[in-house]
Amino acid sequence: MTHFPSKRLPRPGAVLAAVVGPAASLCPGAVGDAKAAAGPTAVGDAKAAAGPTAIGGTMAAAGPKAADGAPAAVASAATAARWTDRAHGFASLAGATTAGAGGKVVSVVDQASPARYAAAEEPYVIRVKGAVAAEPFGSDTVVTSNKTIVGVGDTGEIVHGELHLNPGTHNVIIRNPTIRDSCVEGDVDFVHGRAATVIDRSVIRLLRRGSATDNGYLTAASTWTGNPYGFLITRPGVVDDAPADAFRLGRPWRPGGEPAAVAQVLIRDTEPPAAVKSAPWTDMSGFSWRDARFAEYRNHGPGATGSADRPQLSDADARMYTVAIHLKGTDGRAPSAPTGATR
């Protein structure tokens, strides 16, 4: 399970979350943007995956995008009760994801070390210990093929930076780090994959791609059918560069038509901008969004207009979809919340 907090703004808070994104990147000037867009709860946090990235529970990186804008191949492994170096779930398909297995195991505590090992040609298992701060703000750590990046315990963090997987990068596992104090932006499926993912009080930027009616999709989840927790997006500062009624919250991604991939996305306590469509969910590759597990809860503002195409979670069900419960999993992980943050 991965937890990514976001760019720290001048007010308390910000635990980010996990993110997966084919076209996500750090938002330029996100601090100012977030302050303008966010209300009393909104502030920094965001993930940090840029480029054709895949990040999450344990997961494998993406290759080139398919014609519909989704990654052609992204594999991810389910969170197990105990950590194992054996790939399972999607990551066990097509020869399995081995990542840095067989390579040297290294521990990193500063920015220079992960940058050196992650970009190396040979395989590495990279253990992130404590908070590794990126300077200057928004710096990339380029991750090449055949790498495993693991957050150690509850405190392994990458702060103010991002992990960037270039097109063609493959056989990568990113497991259990917190990537915080940054920003997520994109247009098509820029939060995607199977990982149990939380974006909490983050900056999310919806980008324009030239259409007045169809500017893109925030999520493309491929949650395993037996997992009740896919993507939880809560209390973000959402800013947009898209016209009104032109952006969707998500669509269900089934890699290779996998029947066990049944998307689960909850967006709660959020103020979607006017760019979000009144019917915010849509089909993908012949699979109906109505067969997925999409819902909202206590959203408000110009992009939260009520309609029959916006399933709402009940108060009772919402109590089971908090940040702490979502990230707990079966391994007892409990990422620490920054001072002033609520879970």
C-alpha atoms as a PDB file:
ATOM      1  CA  MET A   1       0.000   0.000   0.000  1.00  0.00           C
ATOM      2  CA  THR A   2       1.336   3.435  -0.821  1.00  0.00           C
ATOM      3  CA  HIS A   3       0.518   6.724   0.864  1.00  0.00           C
ATOM      4  CA  PHE A   4       1.461  10.057  -0.667  1.00  0.00           C
ATOM      5  CA  PRO A   5       1.018  13.403   1.089  1.00  0.00           C
ATOM      6  CA  SER A   6       1.439  16.743  -0.816  1.00  0.00           C
ATOM      7  CA  LYS A   7       3.073  20.099  -1.153  1.00  0.00           C
ATOM      8  CA  ARG A   8       3.087  21.726   2.247  1.00  0.00           C
ATOM      9  CA  LEU A   9       1.294  25.038   2.140  1.00  0.00           C
ATOM     10  CA  PRO A  10       1.539  27.801   4.730  1.00  0.00           C
ATOM     11  CA  ARG A  11      -1.217  26.245   6.787  1.00  0.00           C
ATOM     12  CA  PRO A  12      -1.231  22.999   8.768  1.00  0.00           C
ATOM     13  CA  GLY A  13      -2.226  19.716   7.277  1.00  0.00           C
ATOM     14  CA  ALA A  14      -1.436  17.709   4.248  1.00  0.00           C
ATOM     15  CA  VAL A  15      -1.089  14.083   4.203  1.00  0.00           C
ATOM     16  CA  LEU A  16      -0.962  12.985   0.695  1.00  0.00           C
ATOM     17  CA  ALA A  17      -1.425   9.689  -0.728  1.00  0.00           C
ATOM     18  CA  ALA A  18      -0.758   7.142  -3.259  1.00  0.00           C
ATOM     19  CA  VAL A  19      -0.974   8.002  -6.843  1.00  0.00           C
ATOM     20  CA  VAL A  20      -0.540   6.408 -10.133  1.00  0.00           C
ATOM     21  CA  GLY A  21      -0.397   8.482 -13.248  1.00  0.00           C
ATOM     22  CA  PRO A  22       0.467   8.217 -16.905  1.00  0.00           C
ATOM     23  CA  ALA A  23       0.754  11.946 -17.331  1.00  0.00           C
ATOM     24  CA  ALA A  24       0.863  13.336 -13.849  1.00  0.00           C
ATOM     25  CA  SER A  25       3.553  15.794 -12.867  1.00  0.00           C
ATOM     26  CA  LEU A  26       4.357  18.442 -10.322  1.00  0.00           C
ATOM     27  CA  CYS A  27       2.145  21.466 -10.726  1.00  0.00           C
ATOM     28  CA  PRO A  28       4.148  24.612 -11.428  1.00  0.00           C
ATOM     29  CA  GLY A  29       3.417  27.230  -8.809  1.00  0.00           C
ATOM     30  CA  ALA A  30       1.174  24.861  -6.943  1.00  0.00           C
ATOM     31  CA  VAL A  31       1.572  26.628  -3.623  1.00  0.00           C
ATOM     32  CA  GLY A  32      -0.061  29.812  -4.847  1.00  0.00           C
ATOM     33  CA  ASP A  33      -2.607  27.912  -6.885  1.00  0.00           C
ATOM     34  CA  ALA A  34      -3.560  25.751  -3.975  1.00  0.00           C
ATOM     35  CA  LYS A  35      -4.043  28.688  -1.671  1.00  0.00           C
ATOM     36  CA  ALA A  36      -6.326  30.321  -4.191  1.00  0.00           C
ATOM     37  CA  ALA A  37      -8.305  27.189  -4.925  1.00  0.00           C
ATOM     38  CA  ALA A  38      -8.474  25.636  -1.513  1.00  0.00           C
ATOM     39  CA  GLY A  39     -10.836  26.368   1.280  1.00  0.00           C
ATOM     40  CA  PRO A  40     -10.058  26.009   4.956  1.00  0.00           C
ATOM     41  CA  THR A  41      -9.282  22.323   4.549  1.00  0.00           C
ATOM     42  CA  ALA A  42      -7.457  22.471   1.275  1.00  0.00           C
ATOM     43  CA  VAL A  43      -3.783  22.379   1.001  1.00  0.00           C
ATOM     44  CA  GLY A  44      -0.902  20.713  -0.316  1.00  0.00           C
ATOM     45  CA  ASP A  45      -0.247  17.185  -0.683  1.00  0.00           C
ATOM     46  CA  ALA A  46      -0.152  15.345  -3.757  1.00  0.00           C
ATOM     47  CA  LYS A  47       1.681  12.598  -5.062  1.00  0.00           C
ATOM     48  CA  ALA A  48       4.606  12.568  -7.038  1.00  0.00           C
ATOM     49  CA  ALA A  49       4.475  10.340  -9.973  1.00  0.00           C
ATOM     50  CA  ALA A  50       5.215  11.901 -13.271  1.00  0.00           C
ATOM     51  CA  GLY A  51       5.454  10.678 -16.796  1.00  0.00           C
ATOM     52  CA  PRO A  52       3.950   7.327 -17.757  1.00  0.00           C
ATOM     53  CA  THR A  53       4.087   6.210 -14.186  1.00  0.00           C
ATOM     54  CA  ALA A  54       2.474   3.563 -12.138  1.00  0.00           C
ATOM     55  CA  ILE A  55       2.702   3.680  -8.403  1.00  0.00           C
ATOM     56  CA  GLY A  56       0.955   1.840  -5.710  1.00  0.00           C
ATOM     57  CA  GLY A  57       0.491  -1.102  -3.382  1.00  0.00           C
ATOM     58  CA  THR A  58       3.121  -3.025  -5.119  1.00  0.00           C
ATOM     59  CA  MET A  59       2.955  -2.447  -8.741  1.00  0.00           C
ATOM     60  CA  ALA A  60       4.593  -2.646 -12.020  1.00  0.00           C
ATOM     61  CA  ALA A  61       5.297   0.292 -14.241  1.00  0.00           C
ATOM     62  CA  ALA A  62       3.510   1.173 -17.426  1.00  0.00           C
ATOM     63  CA  GLY A  63       4.616   1.062 -21.010  1.00  0.00           C
ATOM     64  CA  PRO A  64       3.265   3.080 -23.964  1.00  0.00           C
ATOM     65  CA  LYS A  65      -0.314   4.302 -23.888  1.00  0.00           C
ATOM     66  CA  ALA A  66      -3.078   2.614 -25.826  1.00  0.00           C
ATOM     67  CA  ALA A  67      -5.208   4.411 -28.393  1.00  0.00           C
ATOM     68  CA  ASP A  68      -7.853   5.323 -25.812  1.00  0.00           C
ATOM     69  CA  GLY A  69      -5.290   7.103 -23.665  1.00  0.00           C
ATOM     70  CA  ALA A  70      -4.871   4.360 -21.078  1.00  0.00           C
ATOM     71  CA  PRO A  71      -1.522   2.683 -20.527  1.00  0.00           C
ATOM     72  CA  ALA A  72      -1.112  -0.345 -22.753  1.00  0.00           C
ATOM     73  CA  ALA A  73       0.175  -2.439 -19.875  1.00  0.00           C
ATOM     74  CA  VAL A  74       0.386  -1.774 -16.170  1.00  0.00           C
ATOM     75  CA  ALA A  75       0.622  -4.574 -13.663  1.00  0.00           C
ATOM     76  CA  SER A  76       0.298  -4.347  -9.917  1.00  0.00           C
ATOM     77  CA  ALA A  77       0.420  -6.803  -7.064  1.00  0.00           C
ATOM     78  CA  ALA A  78      -2.068  -6.998  -4.255  1.00  0.00           C
ATOM     79  CA  THR A  79      -1.128  -6.016  -0.734  1.00  0.00           C
ATOM     80  CA  ALA A  80      -0.383  -9.209   1.155  1.00  0.00           C
ATOM     81  CA  ALA A  81      -0.786  -9.853   4.843  1.00  0.00           C
ATOM     82  CA  ARG A  82       2.977 -10.084   4.994  1.00  0.00           C
ATOM     83  CA  TRP A  83       5.466  -8.646   2.557  1.00  0.00           C
ATOM     84  CA  THR A  84       6.761 -11.085  -0.009  1.00  0.00           C
ATOM     85  CA  ASP A  85       9.185 -10.768  -2.868  1.00  0.00           C
ATOM     86  CA  ARG A  86       7.009 -13.006  -5.027  1.00  0.00           C
ATOM     87  CA  ALA A  87       4.810 -11.120  -7.481  1.00  0.00           C
ATOM     88  CA  HIS A  88       1.102 -11.908  -7.342  1.00  0.00           C
ATOM     89  CA  GLY A  89      -2.108 -10.527  -8.862  1.00  0.00           C
ATOM     90  CA  PHE A  90      -1.564  -8.598 -12.090  1.00  0.00           C
ATOM     91  CA  ALA A  91       2.177  -8.447 -11.454  1.00  0.00           C
ATOM     92  CA  SER A  92       2.424 -12.223 -11.739  1.00  0.00           C
ATOM     93  CA  LEU A  93       1.179 -12.218 -15.324  1.00  0.00           C
ATOM     94  CA  ALA A  94       3.278 -12.327 -18.505  1.00  0.00           C
ATOM     95  CA  GLY A  95       6.378 -13.704 -16.826  1.00  0.00           C
ATOM     96  CA  ALA A  96       5.851 -11.831 -13.548  1.00  0.00           C
ATOM     97  CA  THR A  97       7.321  -8.585 -12.268  1.00  0.00           C
ATOM     98  CA  THR A  98      10.732  -9.134 -10.693  1.00  0.00           C
ATOM     99  CA  ALA A  99      11.799  -5.479 -10.378  1.00  0.00           C
ATOM    100  CA  GLY A 100      15.098  -5.180  -8.505  1.00  0.00           C
ATOM    101  CA  ALA A 101      15.230  -8.819  -7.387  1.00  0.00           C
ATOM    102  CA  GLY A 102      18.757 -10.166  -7.605  1.00  0.00           C
ATOM    103  CA  GLY A 103      20.260  -6.693  -7.470  1.00  0.00           C
ATOM    104  CA  LYS A 104      22.088  -5.005  -4.606  1.00  0.00           C
ATOM    105  CA  VAL A 105      19.953  -3.864  -1.647  1.00  0.00           C
ATOM    106  CA  VAL A 106      20.713  -0.267  -0.626  1.00  0.00           C
ATOM    107  CA  SER A 107      19.276   2.125   1.985  1.00  0.00           C
ATOM    108  CA  VAL A 108      18.955   5.835   1.157  1.00  0.00           C
ATOM    109  CA  VAL A 109      18.613   8.820   3.478  1.00  0.00           C
ATOM    110  CA  ASP A 110      19.387  11.749   1.159  1.00  0.00           C
ATOM    111  CA  GLN A 111      18.384  12.962  -2.314  1.00  0.00           C
ATOM    112  CA  ALA A 112      21.606  12.049  -4.112  1.00  0.00           C
ATOM    113  CA  SER A 113      21.444   8.356  -3.223  1.00  0.00           C
ATOM    114  CA  PRO A 114      17.997   7.460  -4.653  1.00  0.00           C
ATOM    115  CA  ALA A 115      18.742   9.537  -7.745  1.00  0.00           C
ATOM    116  CA  ARG A 116      21.938   7.575  -8.364  1.00  0.00           C
ATOM    117  CA  TYR A 117      20.594   4.097  -7.688  1.00  0.00           C
ATOM    118  CA  ALA A 118      17.172   4.564  -9.330  1.00  0.00           C
ATOM    119  CA  ALA A 119      18.752   5.751 -12.585  1.00  0.00           C
ATOM    120  CA  ALA A 120      21.380   3.000 -12.731  1.00  0.00           C
ATOM    121  CA  GLU A 121      21.369   0.408 -15.517  1.00  0.00           C
ATOM    122  CA  GLU A 122      21.601  -2.571 -13.166  1.00  0.00           C
ATOM    123  CA  PRO A 123      18.759  -3.762 -10.885  1.00  0.00           C
ATOM    124  CA  TYR A 124      18.518  -2.365  -7.350  1.00  0.00           C
ATOM    125  CA  VAL A 125      16.279  -2.762  -4.316  1.00  0.00           C
ATOM    126  CA  ILE A 126      16.163   0.765  -2.845  1.00  0.00           C
ATOM    127  CA  ARG A 127      14.990   1.168   0.755  1.00  0.00           C
ATOM    128  CA  VAL A 128      13.839   4.708   1.631  1.00  0.00           C
ATOM    129  CA  LYS A 129      14.534   5.391   5.322  1.00  0.00           C
ATOM    130  CA  GLY A 130      13.062   8.486   6.973  1.00  0.00           C
ATOM    131  CA  ALA A 131      12.254  11.681   5.053  1.00  0.00           C
ATOM    132  CA  VAL A 132      14.327  12.181   1.884  1.00  0.00           C
ATOM    133  CA  ALA A 133      13.899  15.813   0.795  1.00  0.00           C
ATOM    134  CA  ALA A 134      14.267  16.901  -2.841  1.00  0.00           C
ATOM    135  CA  GLU A 135      15.980  20.197  -3.662  1.00  0.00           C
ATOM    136  CA  PRO A 136      15.032  22.320  -5.462  1.00  0.00           C
ATOM    137  CA  PHE A 137      11.307  21.838  -4.973  1.00  0.00           C
ATOM    138  CA  GLY A 138       9.822  19.553  -7.620  1.00  0.00           C
ATOM    139  CA  SER A 139      13.016  17.735  -8.518  1.00  0.00           C
ATOM    140  CA  ASP A 140      12.616  14.463 -10.432  1.00  0.00           C
ATOM    141  CA  THR A 141      14.069  11.166  -9.379  1.00  0.00           C
ATOM    142  CA  VAL A 142      14.243   9.252 -12.656  1.00  0.00           C
ATOM    143  CA  VAL A 143      13.487   5.551 -12.193  1.00  0.00           C
ATOM    144  CA  THR A 144      14.753   3.128 -14.825  1.00  0.00           C
ATOM    145  CA  SER A 145      13.731  -0.478 -15.450  1.00  0.00           C
ATOM    146  CA  ASN A 146      14.359  -3.319 -12.996  1.00  0.00           C
ATOM    147  CA  LYS A 147      14.023  -1.378  -9.756  1.00  0.00           C
ATOM    148  CA  THR A 148      12.240  -1.909  -6.452  1.00  0.00           C
ATOM    149  CA  ILE A 149      11.629   1.160  -4.251  1.00  0.00           C
ATOM    150  CA  VAL A 150      10.352   0.356  -0.763  1.00  0.00           C
ATOM    151  CA  GLY A 151       9.368   2.759   2.024  1.00  0.00           C
ATOM    152  CA  VAL A 152      10.795   1.413   5.281  1.00  0.00           C
ATOM    153  CA  GLY A 153       8.152   1.057   7.988  1.00  0.00           C
ATOM    154  CA  ASP A 154       5.697   3.929   8.406  1.00  0.00           C
ATOM    155  CA  THR A 155       8.237   6.725   7.944  1.00  0.00           C
ATOM    156  CA  GLY A 156       9.875   6.220   4.534  1.00  0.00           C
ATOM    157  CA  GLU A 157       9.085   9.481   2.679  1.00  0.00           C
ATOM    158  CA  ILE A 158      10.068  11.376  -0.454  1.00  0.00           C
ATOM    159  CA  VAL A 159       9.367  15.061   0.202  1.00  0.00           C
ATOM    160  CA  HIS A 160       8.938  17.903  -2.348  1.00  0.00           C
ATOM    161  CA  GLY A 161       9.917  15.665  -5.251  1.00  0.00           C
ATOM    162  CA  GLU A 162       8.611  13.049  -7.639  1.00  0.00           C
ATOM    163  CA  LEU A 163       9.390   9.694  -9.165  1.00  0.00           C
ATOM    164  CA  HIS A 164       9.526   9.825 -12.968  1.00  0.00           C
ATOM    165  CA  LEU A 165       9.315   6.805 -15.248  1.00  0.00           C
ATOM    166  CA  ASN A 166      10.099   7.593 -18.853  1.00  0.00           C
ATOM    167  CA  PRO A 167       8.248   5.884 -21.749  1.00  0.00           C
ATOM    168  CA  GLY A 168       9.469   2.317 -22.158  1.00  0.00           C
ATOM    169  CA  THR A 169      10.401   1.857 -18.497  1.00  0.00           C
ATOM    170  CA  HIS A 170       9.284  -1.565 -17.276  1.00  0.00           C
ATOM    171  CA  ASN A 171       9.580  -4.083 -14.445  1.00  0.00           C
ATOM    172  CA  VAL A 172       9.375  -1.583 -11.566  1.00  0.00           C
ATOM    173  CA  ILE A 173       7.845  -2.032  -8.116  1.00  0.00           C
ATOM    174  CA  ILE A 174       7.139   0.956  -5.852  1.00  0.00           C
ATOM    175  CA  ARG A 175       5.817  -0.162  -2.488  1.00  0.00           C
ATOM    176  CA  ASN A 176       4.890   1.539   0.767  1.00  0.00           C
ATOM    177  CA  PRO A 177       6.556   4.973   0.532  1.00  0.00           C
ATOM    178  CA  THR A 178       4.879   8.240   1.396  1.00  0.00           C
ATOM    179  CA  ILE A 179       5.426  10.818  -1.356  1.00  0.00           C
ATOM    180  CA  ARG A 180       4.262  14.151  -0.018  1.00  0.00           C
ATOM    181  CA  ASP A 181       4.110  17.920  -0.368  1.00  0.00           C
ATOM    182  CA  SER A 182       3.796  17.966  -4.122  1.00  0.00           C
ATOM    183  CA  CYS A 183       1.024  18.115  -6.727  1.00  0.00           C
ATOM    184  CA  VAL A 184      -0.863  15.861  -9.162  1.00  0.00           C
ATOM    185  CA  GLU A 185      -1.871  17.122 -12.596  1.00  0.00           C
ATOM    186  CA  GLY A 186      -2.862  15.660 -15.926  1.00  0.00           C
ATOM    187  CA  ASP A 187      -5.665  15.134 -18.392  1.00  0.00           C
ATOM    188  CA  VAL A 188      -6.239  11.462 -19.320  1.00  0.00           C
ATOM    189  CA  ASP A 189      -6.388   8.774 -16.575  1.00  0.00           C
ATOM    190  CA  PHE A 190      -3.631  10.418 -14.583  1.00  0.00           C
ATOM    191  CA  VAL A 191      -4.538   8.525 -11.424  1.00  0.00           C
ATOM    192  CA  HIS A 192      -4.722   4.929 -12.598  1.00  0.00           C
ATOM    193  CA  GLY A 193      -4.046   1.354 -11.586  1.00  0.00           C
ATOM    194  CA  ARG A 194      -4.892  -1.180  -8.965  1.00  0.00           C
ATOM    195  CA  ALA A 195      -3.155   0.071  -5.829  1.00  0.00           C
ATOM    196  CA  ALA A 196      -5.022   1.014  -2.661  1.00  0.00           C
ATOM    197  CA  THR A 197      -4.527   4.774  -3.043  1.00  0.00           C
ATOM    198  CA  VAL A 198      -5.357   7.863  -1.006  1.00  0.00           C
ATOM    199  CA  ILE A 199      -5.083  11.479  -2.151  1.00  0.00           C
ATOM    200  CA  ASP A 200      -5.825  13.497   0.971  1.00  0.00           C
ATOM    201  CA  ARG A 201      -5.815  17.322   1.025  1.00  0.00           C
ATOM    202  CA  SER A 202      -3.766  17.437  -2.145  1.00  0.00           C
ATOM    203  CA  VAL A 203      -3.504  19.801  -5.063  1.00  0.00           C
ATOM    204  CA  ILE A 204      -5.092  18.234  -8.156  1.00  0.00           C
ATOM    205  CA  ARG A 205      -4.919  20.145 -11.426  1.00  0.00           C
ATOM    206  CA  LEU A 206      -7.232  19.219 -14.323  1.00  0.00           C
ATOM    207  CA  LEU A 207      -5.517  20.224 -17.555  1.00  0.00           C
ATOM    208  CA  ARG A 208      -6.985  21.416 -20.835  1.00  0.00           C
ATOM    209  CA  ARG A 209      -6.331  19.271 -23.913  1.00  0.00           C
ATOM    210  CA  GLY A 210      -8.119  21.308 -26.551  1.00  0.00           C
ATOM    211  CA  SER A 211     -11.717  20.081 -26.390  1.00  0.00           C
ATOM    212  CA  ALA A 212     -14.707  22.136 -25.267  1.00  0.00           C
ATOM    213  CA  THR A 213     -16.659  19.016 -24.242  1.00  0.00           C
ATOM    214  CA  ASP A 214     -14.220  16.162 -23.538  1.00  0.00           C
ATOM    215  CA  ASN A 215     -11.029  17.246 -21.777  1.00  0.00           C
ATOM    216  CA  GLY A 216     -10.173  14.049 -19.957  1.00  0.00           C
ATOM    217  CA  TYR A 217     -10.575  11.732 -16.984  1.00  0.00           C
ATOM    218  CA  LEU A 218      -9.146  12.012 -13.479  1.00  0.00           C
ATOM    219  CA  THR A 219      -9.108   8.283 -12.622  1.00  0.00           C
ATOM    220  CA  ALA A 220      -8.902   4.910 -14.347  1.00  0.00           C
ATOM    221  CA  ALA A 221      -8.965   2.376 -11.527  1.00  0.00           C
ATOM    222  CA  SER A 222      -8.440  -1.352 -12.049  1.00  0.00           C
ATOM    223  CA  THR A 223      -9.120  -2.434  -8.456  1.00  0.00           C
ATOM    224  CA  TRP A 224      -9.099  -6.178  -7.824  1.00  0.00           C
ATOM    225  CA  THR A 225     -12.676  -7.359  -7.321  1.00  0.00           C
ATOM    226  CA  GLY A 226     -11.923  -8.783  -3.855  1.00  0.00           C
ATOM    227  CA  ASN A 227     -10.470  -5.516  -2.572  1.00  0.00           C
ATOM    228  CA  PRO A 228     -13.014  -3.023  -1.171  1.00  0.00           C
ATOM    229  CA  TYR A 229     -10.460  -0.183  -1.299  1.00  0.00           C
ATOM    230  CA  GLY A 230      -9.259   1.328  -4.552  1.00  0.00           C
ATOM    231  CA  PHE A 231      -8.907   5.121  -4.857  1.00  0.00           C
ATOM    232  CA  LEU A 232     -10.003   7.473  -2.085  1.00  0.00           C
ATOM    233  CA  ILE A 233      -9.800  11.185  -2.947  1.00  0.00           C
ATOM    234  CA  THR A 234     -10.710  13.440  -0.048  1.00  0.00           C
ATOM    235  CA  ARG A 235     -10.456  17.156   0.753  1.00  0.00           C
ATOM    236  CA  PRO A 236      -8.208  18.120  -2.155  1.00  0.00           C
ATOM    237  CA  GLY A 237      -7.602  21.567  -3.563  1.00  0.00           C
ATOM    238  CA  VAL A 238      -8.848  21.027  -7.116  1.00  0.00           C
ATOM    239  CA  VAL A 239      -7.810  23.590  -9.709  1.00  0.00           C
ATOM    240  CA  ASP A 240      -8.497  23.416 -13.417  1.00  0.00           C
ATOM    241  CA  ASP A 241      -7.414  24.666 -16.795  1.00  0.00           C
ATOM    242  CA  ALA A 242     -10.379  23.070 -18.578  1.00  0.00           C
ATOM    243  CA  PRO A 243     -13.677  24.604 -19.770  1.00  0.00           C
ATOM    244  CA  ALA A 244     -16.906  24.060 -17.853  1.00  0.00           C
ATOM    245  CA  ASP A 245     -18.642  20.659 -18.126  1.00  0.00           C
ATOM    246  CA  ALA A 246     -15.717  19.023 -19.927  1.00  0.00           C
ATOM    247  CA  PHE A 247     -13.938  16.734 -17.432  1.00  0.00           C
ATOM    248  CA  ARG A 248     -14.927  13.366 -15.960  1.00  0.00           C
ATOM    249  CA  LEU A 249     -14.031  11.931 -12.574  1.00  0.00           C
ATOM    250  CA  GLY A 250     -13.204   8.520 -13.962  1.00  0.00           C
ATOM    251  CA  ARG A 251     -13.796   5.393 -15.986  1.00  0.00           C
ATOM    252  CA  PRO A 252     -13.306   1.652 -15.242  1.00  0.00           C
ATOM    253  CA  TRP A 253     -10.057   0.210 -16.574  1.00  0.00           C
ATOM    254  CA  ARG A 254      -9.848  -3.528 -17.190  1.00  0.00           C
ATOM    255  CA  PRO A 255      -6.318  -4.279 -18.436  1.00  0.00           C
ATOM    256  CA  GLY A 256      -6.591  -6.800 -21.246  1.00  0.00           C
ATOM    257  CA  GLY A 257     -10.307  -7.191 -20.466  1.00  0.00           C
ATOM    258  CA  GLU A 258      -9.489  -8.718 -17.054  1.00  0.00           C
ATOM    259  CA  PRO A 259     -12.890  -9.593 -15.502  1.00  0.00           C
ATOM    260  CA  ALA A 260     -11.492  -9.425 -11.957  1.00  0.00           C
ATOM    261  CA  ALA A 261     -10.613  -5.744 -12.363  1.00  0.00           C
ATOM    262  CA  VAL A 262     -13.642  -3.919 -10.936  1.00  0.00           C
ATOM    263  CA  ALA A 263     -12.803  -0.251 -10.343  1.00  0.00           C
ATOM    264  CA  GLN A 264     -13.460   1.247  -6.900  1.00  0.00           C
ATOM    265  CA  VAL A 265     -13.273   5.048  -6.528  1.00  0.00           C
ATOM    266  CA  LEU A 266     -14.724   7.296  -3.817  1.00  0.00           C
ATOM    267  CA  ILE A 267     -14.434  11.081  -3.995  1.00  0.00           C
ATOM    268  CA  ARG A 268     -15.598  12.691  -0.771  1.00  0.00           C
ATOM    269  CA  ASP A 269     -15.672  16.037   1.061  1.00  0.00           C
ATOM    270  CA  THR A 270     -14.447  17.746  -2.095  1.00  0.00           C
ATOM    271  CA  GLU A 271     -15.363  20.864  -4.073  1.00  0.00           C
ATOM    272  CA  PRO A 272     -15.141  19.844  -7.731  1.00  0.00           C
ATOM    273  CA  PRO A 273     -14.761  22.810 -10.119  1.00  0.00           C
ATOM    274  CA  ALA A 274     -17.254  23.668 -12.848  1.00  0.00           C
ATOM    275  CA  ALA A 275     -15.051  21.735 -15.303  1.00  0.00           C
ATOM    276  CA  VAL A 276     -16.470  18.457 -13.914  1.00  0.00           C
ATOM    277  CA  LYS A 277     -19.427  17.072 -15.872  1.00  0.00           C
ATOM    278  CA  SER A 278     -22.819  16.577 -14.241  1.00  0.00           C
ATOM    279  CA  ALA A 279     -22.531  12.919 -15.362  1.00  0.00           C
ATOM    280  CA  PRO A 280     -18.926  12.484 -14.190  1.00  0.00           C
ATOM    281  CA  TRP A 281     -18.376   8.746 -14.788  1.00  0.00           C
ATOM    282  CA  THR A 282     -18.150   7.037 -18.162  1.00  0.00           C
ATOM    283  CA  ASP A 283     -17.563   3.661 -19.838  1.00  0.00           C
ATOM    284  CA  MET A 284     -14.177   2.413 -21.014  1.00  0.00           C
ATOM    285  CA  SER A 285     -13.297  -0.086 -23.729  1.00  0.00           C
ATOM    286  CA  GLY A 286     -16.818  -1.520 -23.770  1.00  0.00           C
ATOM    287  CA  PHE A 287     -17.113  -1.857 -19.965  1.00  0.00           C
ATOM    288  CA  SER A 288     -19.925   0.056 -18.271  1.00  0.00           C
ATOM    289  CA  TRP A 289     -19.135   2.436 -15.456  1.00  0.00           C
ATOM    290  CA  ARG A 290     -22.307   1.206 -13.745  1.00  0.00           C
ATOM    291  CA  ASP A 291     -20.635  -2.171 -13.160  1.00  0.00           C
ATOM    292  CA  ALA A 292     -17.800  -0.447 -11.307  1.00  0.00           C
ATOM    293  CA  ARG A 293     -17.797   0.817  -7.710  1.00  0.00           C
ATOM    294  CA  PHE A 294     -17.918   4.587  -8.204  1.00  0.00           C
ATOM    295  CA  ALA A 295     -19.366   6.924  -5.569  1.00  0.00           C
ATOM    296  CA  GLU A 296     -19.251  10.395  -4.046  1.00  0.00           C
ATOM    297  CA  TYR A 297     -19.952  11.638  -0.536  1.00  0.00           C
ATOM    298  CA  ARG A 298     -20.608  15.162   0.783  1.00  0.00           C
ATOM    299  CA  ASN A 299     -19.161  16.907  -2.255  1.00  0.00           C
ATOM    300  CA  HIS A 300     -20.211  20.501  -2.870  1.00  0.00           C
ATOM    301  CA  GLY A 301     -19.638  23.424  -5.189  1.00  0.00           C
ATOM    302  CA  PRO A 302     -20.071  24.106  -8.924  1.00  0.00           C
ATOM    303  CA  GLY A 303     -18.894  20.678 -10.076  1.00  0.00           C
ATOM    304  CA  ALA A 304     -21.057  18.675  -7.665  1.00  0.00           C
ATOM    305  CA  THR A 305     -24.484  19.085  -9.253  1.00  0.00           C
ATOM    306  CA  GLY A 306     -26.819  16.240  -8.346  1.00  0.00           C
ATOM    307  CA  SER A 307     -28.013  13.772 -10.964  1.00  0.00           C
ATOM    308  CA  ALA A 308     -29.068  10.142 -11.318  1.00  0.00           C
ATOM    309  CA  ASP A 309     -25.604   9.457 -12.771  1.00  0.00           C
ATOM    310  CA  ARG A 310     -23.806  10.382  -9.537  1.00  0.00           C
ATOM    311  CA  PRO A 311     -24.048   7.503  -7.001  1.00  0.00           C
ATOM    312  CA  GLN A 312     -23.815   8.761  -3.412  1.00  0.00           C
ATOM    313  CA  LEU A 313     -22.427   6.869  -0.415  1.00  0.00           C
ATOM    314  CA  SER A 314     -24.605   6.634   2.699  1.00  0.00           C
ATOM    315  CA  ASP A 315     -23.429   8.051   6.038  1.00  0.00           C
ATOM    316  CA  ALA A 316     -23.078   4.521   7.406  1.00  0.00           C
ATOM    317  CA  ASP A 317     -20.974   3.302   4.478  1.00  0.00           C
ATOM    318  CA  ALA A 318     -18.850   6.468   4.520  1.00  0.00           C
ATOM    319  CA  ARG A 319     -17.623   5.594   8.012  1.00  0.00           C
ATOM    320  CA  MET A 320     -15.803   2.623   6.467  1.00  0.00           C
ATOM    321  CA  TYR A 321     -13.971   4.790   3.927  1.00  0.00           C
ATOM    322  CA  THR A 322     -11.689   7.053   5.947  1.00  0.00           C
ATOM    323  CA  VAL A 323      -7.997   7.606   5.283  1.00  0.00           C
ATOM    324  CA  ALA A 324      -6.917   5.481   8.243  1.00  0.00           C
ATOM    325  CA  ILE A 325      -9.170   2.531   7.380  1.00  0.00           C
ATOM    326  CA  HIS A 326      -8.355   2.737   3.676  1.00  0.00           C
ATOM    327  CA  LEU A 327      -4.614   2.523   4.271  1.00  0.00           C
ATOM    328  CA  LYS A 328      -4.616   0.035   7.119  1.00  0.00           C
ATOM    329  CA  GLY A 329      -4.883  -3.033   4.903  1.00  0.00           C
ATOM    330  CA  THR A 330      -3.933  -6.358   6.475  1.00  0.00           C
ATOM    331  CA  ASP A 331      -0.320  -5.532   7.280  1.00  0.00           C
ATOM    332  CA  GLY A 332      -0.975  -3.080  10.134  1.00  0.00           C
ATOM    333  CA  ARG A 333       0.598  -0.128   8.324  1.00  0.00           C
ATOM    334  CA  ALA A 334      -0.307   3.206   9.920  1.00  0.00           C
ATOM    335  CA  PRO A 335       1.316   6.167   8.126  1.00  0.00           C
ATOM    336  CA  SER A 336       1.739   9.075  10.505  1.00  0.00           C
ATOM    337  CA  ALA A 337      -0.364  12.185   9.865  1.00  0.00           C
ATOM    338  CA  PRO A 338       1.317  15.619   9.869  1.00  0.00           C
ATOM    339  CA  THR A 339       0.624  17.924  12.809  1.00  0.00           C
ATOM    340  CA  GLY A 340      -2.877  19.348  12.619  1.00  0.00           C
ATOM    341  CA  ALA A 341      -4.112  16.757  10.147  1.00  0.00           C
ATOM    342  CA  THR A 342      -7.164  14.643  10.792  1.00  0.00           C
ATOM    343  CA  ARG A 343      -7.678  11.115   9.603  1.00  0.00           C
END
